[in-house]
Amino acid sequence: MSFLLQNSEHFPSVLGSKTVRGADEQESMTGIFYSPSQPVHQGTILDVAQVEELLGGWFGNEVVLLSSGRAAIRIFFALMGFGRYSHRIAIPQYMSRCVVNAVNAQATACLMTDAVRFDGELHYHQYGFSQAAAPIGMCLEDVCHAFFSSAKSGDRSWRGSAAAFSLPKFFSIKGPCGGLICLDSGLAKAARDYRDGSPQLSPERRGQVSKAVCCLHSSPAAPRHAAELEAAYETLLWDVRPYAEALVGLPATLEGLGAIGGARQTLVEIFRGHLSEWALPMLRPPVGSVLPYALPVFADEVGIARVTAIAAAHRMEARAYMLDVARDARQPEYRKAVLLPAHQEIDPAAFDAMCGAIRGALA
């Protein structure tokens, strides 16, 4: 079955430039998963089966493509027989609300640190840094921030029977898309049957959802009301089918995926050359070779203010978040850090200049 929509106008970019409006000017800034210079919506349009084959080669296991990583979370636990009032799923303390909602759609989310019985675990690699602690019992691995295990591969030592991934966080594709990495062929078949048997939204409604998701990236054409974005995220939990038109811009080969990994690796090495002192312990061995979703700079409140100001001066958006430096959701040690973008379209020379300026301000 083909999920390709004929009318591409229903898929505005979800990876457009970040727009910051001043009194008399409008300027674009690079963020964690968008860049105003990136080429969007270019390349061969792969169909769903082709993308599943491509990503299966990347992750080393069978892939079932879905509308989003959130849909993957819900479907996995649905297929495991979980129920909203009968099962508990353990999650870390700091997670996006849309992810918590995806868990709560199929079970009750509880903090990993709570002294209660869990039936399953969302094993989340925060901002791409692998959990140091292994899961206990049944888990779904969340690699939405960890597409790259290295510059040339997404395969790794998997910790459960499946993992959820997301594409727009790393690639300038035209719409939302994610899926399940399945280590078991029976699970892959069940997930694909579930997907293919689900109702299909009209092109008009699908377009509204994609347009609302653009709001996250401050597209000038996107709606500004937060309720529309929340409604779009909820829709993506239940409208689980992927649409090939949303995949425009995804590299068509393993070499293309690896080229993006190589570009991100260059930025990581620049970052470590300037800021290892303030990045530790997140980038020291054995995690020193990772390609994270974003690059953390740990500092006090004064230092955080300096880092964000310097990043803004270099036209890069950076914000403070809480990171678990222990990488153990059961016994976390949260510290505040500024996350710097590591997007592949960032000019290495500009990134080097920014990191050097940050080092000068913190030293």
Protein backbone atom coordinates (compact mmCIF):
# COMPACT_ATOMS: atom_id res chain seq x y z
CA MET A 1 0.00 0.00 0.00
CA SER A 2 1.32 3.44 -0.88
CA PHE A 3 1.01 6.25 1.62
CA LEU A 4 2.19 8.95 -0.80
CA LEU A 5 0.00 12.02 -0.85
CA GLN A 6 -0.40 13.68 -4.20
CA ASN A 7 -0.60 17.26 -2.95
CA SER A 8 2.71 18.39 -1.46
CA GLU A 9 1.29 21.70 -0.25
CA HIS A 10 -0.12 19.80 2.72
CA PHE A 11 3.43 19.28 4.01
CA PRO A 12 5.05 22.60 4.92
CA SER A 13 8.55 22.32 6.29
CA VAL A 14 8.97 21.22 9.87
CA LEU A 15 12.63 22.16 9.72
CA GLY A 16 12.53 25.76 8.62
CA SER A 17 14.63 28.56 10.03
CA LYS A 18 14.18 29.80 13.57
CA THR A 19 12.86 33.33 13.40
CA VAL A 20 13.65 35.88 16.10
CA ARG A 21 11.79 39.13 15.65
CA GLY A 22 13.16 42.41 16.98
CA ALA A 23 11.54 45.80 16.80
CA ASP A 24 12.88 46.60 13.37
CA GLU A 25 14.42 43.40 12.10
CA GLN A 26 13.97 39.70 11.64
CA GLU A 27 16.95 37.38 11.72
CA SER A 28 17.38 33.63 11.43
CA MET A 29 19.24 31.60 14.02
CA THR A 30 20.47 28.04 14.00
CA GLY A 31 18.90 25.79 16.63
CA ILE A 32 19.40 22.25 17.86
CA PHE A 33 17.48 20.61 15.03
CA TYR A 34 17.13 23.26 12.39
CA SER A 35 19.37 25.56 10.41
CA PRO A 36 18.38 28.42 8.10
CA SER A 37 21.07 27.34 5.63
CA GLN A 38 20.06 23.71 5.39
CA PRO A 39 18.70 22.39 2.09
CA VAL A 40 15.13 21.33 2.81
CA HIS A 41 12.90 19.15 0.65
CA GLN A 42 15.59 18.11 -1.79
CA GLY A 43 16.50 14.73 -3.20
CA THR A 44 14.76 11.57 -4.28
CA ILE A 45 11.37 10.79 -2.78
CA LEU A 46 11.64 7.31 -1.26
CA ASP A 47 8.50 5.34 -0.57
CA VAL A 48 7.81 3.85 2.84
CA ALA A 49 9.15 0.39 1.98
CA GLN A 50 12.40 1.88 0.63
CA VAL A 51 12.93 3.94 3.77
CA GLU A 52 12.29 0.91 5.95
CA GLU A 53 14.92 -1.02 3.99
CA LEU A 54 17.39 1.87 4.21
CA LEU A 55 16.95 2.36 7.94
CA GLY A 56 16.98 -1.39 8.53
CA GLY A 57 20.48 -1.40 7.08
CA TRP A 58 21.43 1.59 9.23
CA PHE A 59 20.14 0.19 12.52
CA GLY A 60 20.98 -3.42 11.75
CA ASN A 61 17.43 -4.60 12.44
CA GLU A 62 13.99 -4.54 10.88
CA VAL A 63 12.33 -1.12 10.88
CA VAL A 64 8.62 -0.26 10.85
CA LEU A 65 8.02 3.30 9.74
CA LEU A 66 5.33 5.29 11.57
CA SER A 67 4.04 8.85 11.77
CA SER A 68 6.28 9.75 14.73
CA GLY A 69 8.41 8.45 17.55
CA ARG A 70 5.46 9.12 19.85
CA ALA A 71 3.28 6.79 17.81
CA ALA A 72 6.02 4.16 18.09
CA ILE A 73 5.94 4.40 21.88
CA ARG A 74 2.17 3.99 22.05
CA ILE A 75 2.01 1.14 19.53
CA PHE A 76 4.80 -0.83 21.18
CA PHE A 77 3.11 -0.85 24.56
CA ALA A 78 -0.27 -1.54 22.95
CA LEU A 79 1.20 -4.60 21.27
CA MET A 80 2.68 -5.67 24.60
CA GLY A 81 -0.87 -5.73 25.99
CA PHE A 82 -0.47 -2.70 28.25
CA GLY A 83 -3.58 -0.86 29.43
CA ARG A 84 -4.15 2.63 30.78
CA TYR A 85 -5.54 1.40 34.12
CA SER A 86 -3.63 -1.86 34.47
CA HIS A 87 0.05 -1.12 33.78
CA ARG A 88 2.76 1.27 34.92
CA ILE A 89 5.69 2.44 32.79
CA ALA A 90 8.77 3.93 34.42
CA ILE A 91 10.16 7.12 32.86
CA PRO A 92 12.92 9.60 33.80
CA GLN A 93 12.10 12.83 35.58
CA TYR A 94 12.80 15.28 32.76
CA MET A 95 11.00 14.35 29.55
CA SER A 96 9.03 16.25 26.94
CA ARG A 97 5.35 16.49 27.75
CA CYS A 98 4.40 14.95 24.40
CA VAL A 99 6.44 11.84 25.25
CA VAL A 100 4.82 11.56 28.69
CA ASN A 101 1.45 11.86 26.97
CA ALA A 102 2.40 9.04 24.60
CA VAL A 103 3.18 6.80 27.56
CA ASN A 104 -0.01 7.80 29.36
CA ALA A 105 -2.05 6.96 26.28
CA GLN A 106 -1.32 3.28 26.84
CA ALA A 107 -0.40 2.99 30.53
CA THR A 108 0.31 5.13 33.59
CA ALA A 109 3.66 6.91 33.59
CA CYS A 110 5.59 6.84 36.86
CA LEU A 111 8.97 8.28 37.73
CA MET A 112 11.84 5.83 37.62
CA THR A 113 12.73 6.93 41.16
CA ASP A 114 9.26 6.14 42.56
CA ALA A 115 9.06 3.21 44.98
CA VAL A 116 6.31 1.42 43.05
CA ARG A 117 6.10 -1.69 40.91
CA PHE A 118 6.69 -1.10 37.20
CA ASP A 119 5.51 -3.27 34.35
CA GLY A 120 7.84 -1.72 31.80
CA GLU A 121 10.40 1.01 31.22
CA LEU A 122 11.02 3.73 28.67
CA HIS A 123 14.80 3.51 28.44
CA TYR A 124 15.61 7.06 27.34
CA HIS A 125 19.07 8.18 26.18
CA GLN A 126 18.83 11.84 27.15
CA TYR A 127 20.02 14.16 24.36
CA GLY A 128 21.85 11.22 22.78
CA PHE A 129 23.99 10.22 25.78
CA SER A 130 23.56 6.51 26.49
CA GLN A 131 22.21 5.37 29.82
CA ALA A 132 24.98 3.92 31.94
CA ALA A 133 22.53 1.70 33.82
CA ALA A 134 20.90 -1.25 32.10
CA PRO A 135 17.11 -1.59 32.12
CA ILE A 136 15.39 -3.92 34.53
CA GLY A 137 12.81 -6.14 32.89
CA MET A 138 10.84 -5.28 29.76
CA CYS A 139 11.72 -1.96 28.12
CA LEU A 140 11.32 0.13 25.02
CA GLU A 141 14.55 1.87 24.14
CA ASP A 142 14.07 5.54 23.21
CA VAL A 143 16.74 6.55 20.68
CA CYS A 144 14.89 9.58 19.33
CA HIS A 145 17.90 11.67 20.42
CA ALA A 146 20.43 8.99 19.45
CA PHE A 147 20.11 8.24 15.74
CA PHE A 148 23.89 7.91 15.39
CA SER A 149 25.83 5.33 17.40
CA SER A 150 28.81 6.43 15.31
CA ALA A 151 29.26 8.63 12.26
CA LYS A 152 28.68 5.66 9.96
CA SER A 153 26.09 3.53 11.75
CA GLY A 154 23.07 3.43 13.99
CA ASP A 155 23.57 -0.19 15.04
CA ARG A 156 24.54 -0.85 18.65
CA SER A 157 24.08 -3.30 21.52
CA TRP A 158 20.32 -3.00 21.87
CA ARG A 159 18.83 -3.24 25.34
CA GLY A 160 15.29 -4.36 24.61
CA SER A 161 13.14 -5.98 21.97
CA ALA A 162 12.49 -2.67 20.22
CA ALA A 163 13.49 0.99 20.06
CA ALA A 164 11.64 4.13 19.04
CA PHE A 165 13.32 6.66 16.74
CA SER A 166 12.51 10.05 15.20
CA LEU A 167 13.73 11.46 11.89
CA PRO A 168 13.00 15.25 11.95
CA LYS A 169 15.36 15.75 14.89
CA PHE A 170 18.31 14.93 12.63
CA PHE A 171 17.19 15.38 9.02
CA SER A 172 15.61 18.24 7.09
CA ILE A 173 12.61 16.27 5.92
CA LYS A 174 9.26 17.71 4.99
CA GLY A 175 7.03 16.34 7.75
CA PRO A 176 6.88 14.36 10.99
CA CYS A 177 8.03 10.73 10.86
CA GLY A 178 9.49 8.10 13.15
CA GLY A 179 9.18 4.42 13.82
CA LEU A 180 10.12 1.23 15.60
CA ILE A 181 13.38 -0.71 15.36
CA CYS A 182 12.33 -4.32 15.95
CA LEU A 183 14.74 -7.06 17.03
CA ASP A 184 11.95 -9.60 16.63
CA SER A 185 10.36 -10.26 13.24
CA GLY A 186 7.06 -11.19 14.86
CA LEU A 187 6.90 -7.82 16.58
CA ALA A 188 7.73 -6.06 13.30
CA LYS A 189 4.88 -7.87 11.53
CA ALA A 190 2.44 -7.04 14.33
CA ALA A 191 3.45 -3.37 14.28
CA ARG A 192 3.15 -3.20 10.49
CA ASP A 193 -0.27 -4.87 10.57
CA TYR A 194 -1.40 -2.46 13.28
CA ARG A 195 -0.22 0.48 11.21
CA ASP A 196 -1.73 -0.68 7.94
CA GLY A 197 -5.06 -1.37 9.60
CA SER A 198 -5.31 2.09 11.14
CA PRO A 199 -7.61 4.78 9.69
CA GLN A 200 -6.03 7.31 7.35
CA LEU A 201 -6.46 11.04 7.87
CA SER A 202 -7.62 13.24 5.03
CA PRO A 203 -4.88 15.21 3.24
CA GLU A 204 -6.43 18.41 4.61
CA ARG A 205 -6.23 17.31 8.24
CA ARG A 206 -2.77 15.87 7.74
CA GLY A 207 -1.71 19.24 6.34
CA GLN A 208 -3.09 21.01 9.39
CA VAL A 209 -1.06 18.74 11.65
CA SER A 210 2.17 19.33 9.73
CA LYS A 211 1.56 23.07 9.69
CA ALA A 212 1.01 23.08 13.45
CA VAL A 213 4.24 21.16 14.03
CA CYS A 214 6.00 23.94 12.10
CA CYS A 215 5.09 26.18 15.02
CA LEU A 216 7.80 24.45 17.02
CA HIS A 217 10.35 25.83 14.58
CA SER A 218 8.72 29.28 14.33
CA SER A 219 7.97 29.11 10.64
CA PRO A 220 6.47 32.47 9.65
CA ALA A 221 3.54 30.66 8.03
CA ALA A 222 2.80 28.47 11.04
CA PRO A 223 -0.03 29.04 13.54
CA ARG A 224 1.05 30.55 16.82
CA HIS A 225 -1.59 29.13 19.18
CA ALA A 226 -0.10 26.51 21.50
CA ALA A 227 -3.35 24.55 21.49
CA GLU A 228 -2.88 23.74 17.80
CA LEU A 229 0.56 22.23 18.44
CA GLU A 230 -0.76 20.19 21.37
CA ALA A 231 -3.64 18.93 19.23
CA ALA A 232 -1.17 18.01 16.46
CA TYR A 233 0.98 15.98 18.84
CA GLU A 234 -2.11 14.17 20.11
CA THR A 235 -3.19 13.44 16.54
CA LEU A 236 0.21 11.93 15.73
CA LEU A 237 -0.33 9.40 18.52
CA TRP A 238 -3.32 7.97 16.70
CA ASP A 239 -2.68 8.82 13.05
CA VAL A 240 0.15 6.31 12.91
CA ARG A 241 0.64 5.94 9.16
CA PRO A 242 3.75 7.47 7.59
CA TYR A 243 3.42 9.42 4.36
CA ALA A 244 6.18 9.23 1.78
CA GLU A 245 5.78 12.93 0.96
CA ALA A 246 6.91 13.76 4.50
CA LEU A 247 10.21 11.99 3.81
CA VAL A 248 11.43 14.35 1.10
CA GLY A 249 14.94 15.44 2.05
CA LEU A 250 15.99 12.18 3.72
CA PRO A 251 19.28 10.84 2.31
CA ALA A 252 18.57 7.93 -0.01
CA THR A 253 21.67 5.87 0.82
CA LEU A 254 23.64 4.64 3.80
CA GLU A 255 26.53 6.76 2.54
CA GLY A 256 24.29 9.83 2.65
CA LEU A 257 23.31 9.13 6.24
CA GLY A 258 26.97 8.61 7.08
CA ALA A 259 27.94 11.91 5.47
CA ILE A 260 25.62 13.70 7.87
CA GLY A 261 27.16 11.75 10.72
CA GLY A 262 30.59 12.86 9.57
CA ALA A 263 29.55 16.51 9.53
CA ARG A 264 28.18 16.21 13.06
CA GLN A 265 31.38 14.44 14.17
CA THR A 266 33.41 17.43 12.98
CA LEU A 267 31.40 19.73 15.26
CA VAL A 268 31.78 17.37 18.22
CA GLU A 269 35.56 17.39 17.83
CA ILE A 270 35.63 21.20 17.62
CA PHE A 271 33.50 21.36 20.74
CA ARG A 272 35.72 18.95 22.67
CA GLY A 273 38.82 20.89 21.61
CA HIS A 274 37.50 24.06 23.22
CA LEU A 275 35.05 23.05 25.92
CA SER A 276 35.87 19.61 27.33
CA GLU A 277 36.52 21.18 30.72
CA TRP A 278 32.92 22.39 30.86
CA ALA A 279 31.40 19.45 29.02
CA LEU A 280 32.56 16.79 31.46
CA PRO A 281 31.40 14.34 32.57
CA MET A 282 29.04 13.91 29.61
CA LEU A 283 31.75 13.66 26.95
CA ARG A 284 34.51 11.76 28.74
CA PRO A 285 35.19 8.10 28.04
CA PRO A 286 33.40 5.75 27.61
CA VAL A 287 30.90 8.13 26.02
CA GLY A 288 33.48 10.37 24.42
CA SER A 289 32.85 8.97 20.96
CA VAL A 290 29.09 9.52 20.86
CA LEU A 291 27.35 11.80 18.39
CA PRO A 292 24.81 13.44 20.68
CA TYR A 293 21.71 15.33 19.74
CA ALA A 294 23.18 18.49 21.27
CA LEU A 295 26.33 19.49 23.14
CA PRO A 296 26.11 20.44 26.85
CA VAL A 297 28.12 23.18 28.55
CA PHE A 298 27.89 22.98 32.36
CA ALA A 299 28.26 26.23 34.26
CA ASP A 300 26.81 28.26 37.13
CA GLU A 301 23.99 30.72 36.52
CA VAL A 302 26.40 33.51 35.55
CA GLY A 303 28.22 31.22 33.15
CA ILE A 304 24.96 29.97 31.65
CA ALA A 305 23.91 33.54 30.94
CA ARG A 306 27.25 34.21 29.25
CA VAL A 307 27.03 31.08 27.10
CA THR A 308 23.52 31.81 25.88
CA ALA A 309 24.45 35.42 25.11
CA ILE A 310 27.55 34.41 23.15
CA ALA A 311 25.59 31.80 21.21
CA ALA A 312 22.97 34.40 20.33
CA ALA A 313 25.67 36.78 19.18
CA HIS A 314 26.84 34.02 16.82
CA ARG A 315 23.26 33.53 15.63
CA MET A 316 22.82 30.22 17.36
CA GLU A 317 20.04 29.46 19.78
CA ALA A 318 21.11 27.79 23.03
CA ARG A 319 18.99 27.11 26.10
CA ALA A 320 19.51 25.70 29.58
CA TYR A 321 18.21 22.23 30.42
CA MET A 322 18.61 19.71 33.25
CA LEU A 323 20.90 16.79 32.35
CA ASP A 324 21.52 13.60 34.29
CA VAL A 325 25.29 13.48 34.51
CA ALA A 326 25.10 10.05 36.18
CA ARG A 327 23.22 8.72 33.13
CA ASP A 328 21.17 6.58 35.49
CA ALA A 329 17.46 7.36 35.55
CA ARG A 330 17.02 5.31 38.76
CA GLN A 331 19.66 7.28 40.63
CA PRO A 332 19.98 10.49 38.64
CA GLU A 333 22.24 13.45 39.29
CA TYR A 334 20.69 16.37 37.48
CA ARG A 335 22.72 19.47 36.72
CA LYS A 336 21.90 22.47 34.60
CA ALA A 337 23.71 22.88 31.29
CA VAL A 338 23.35 24.94 28.14
CA LEU A 339 22.74 22.80 25.07
CA LEU A 340 24.59 24.02 21.99
CA PRO A 341 23.40 22.99 18.52
CA ALA A 342 25.33 20.26 16.72
CA HIS A 343 23.37 20.43 13.48
CA GLN A 344 25.19 19.21 10.38
CA GLU A 345 24.51 22.41 8.44
CA ILE A 346 26.41 24.60 10.91
CA ASP A 347 29.55 26.06 9.37
CA PRO A 348 32.52 24.52 11.24
CA ALA A 349 34.45 27.81 11.19
CA ALA A 350 31.52 29.68 12.74
CA PHE A 351 31.08 26.94 15.32
CA ASP A 352 34.78 27.06 16.15
CA ALA A 353 34.58 30.82 16.66
CA MET A 354 31.58 30.47 18.95
CA CYS A 355 33.17 27.71 21.05
CA GLY A 356 36.37 29.74 21.35
CA ALA A 357 34.41 32.75 22.55
CA ILE A 358 32.58 30.64 25.11
CA ARG A 359 35.85 29.22 26.39
CA GLY A 360 37.22 32.74 26.80
CA ALA A 361 34.15 33.79 28.79
CA LEU A 362 34.24 30.78 31.12
CA ALA A 363 37.98 30.43 31.67
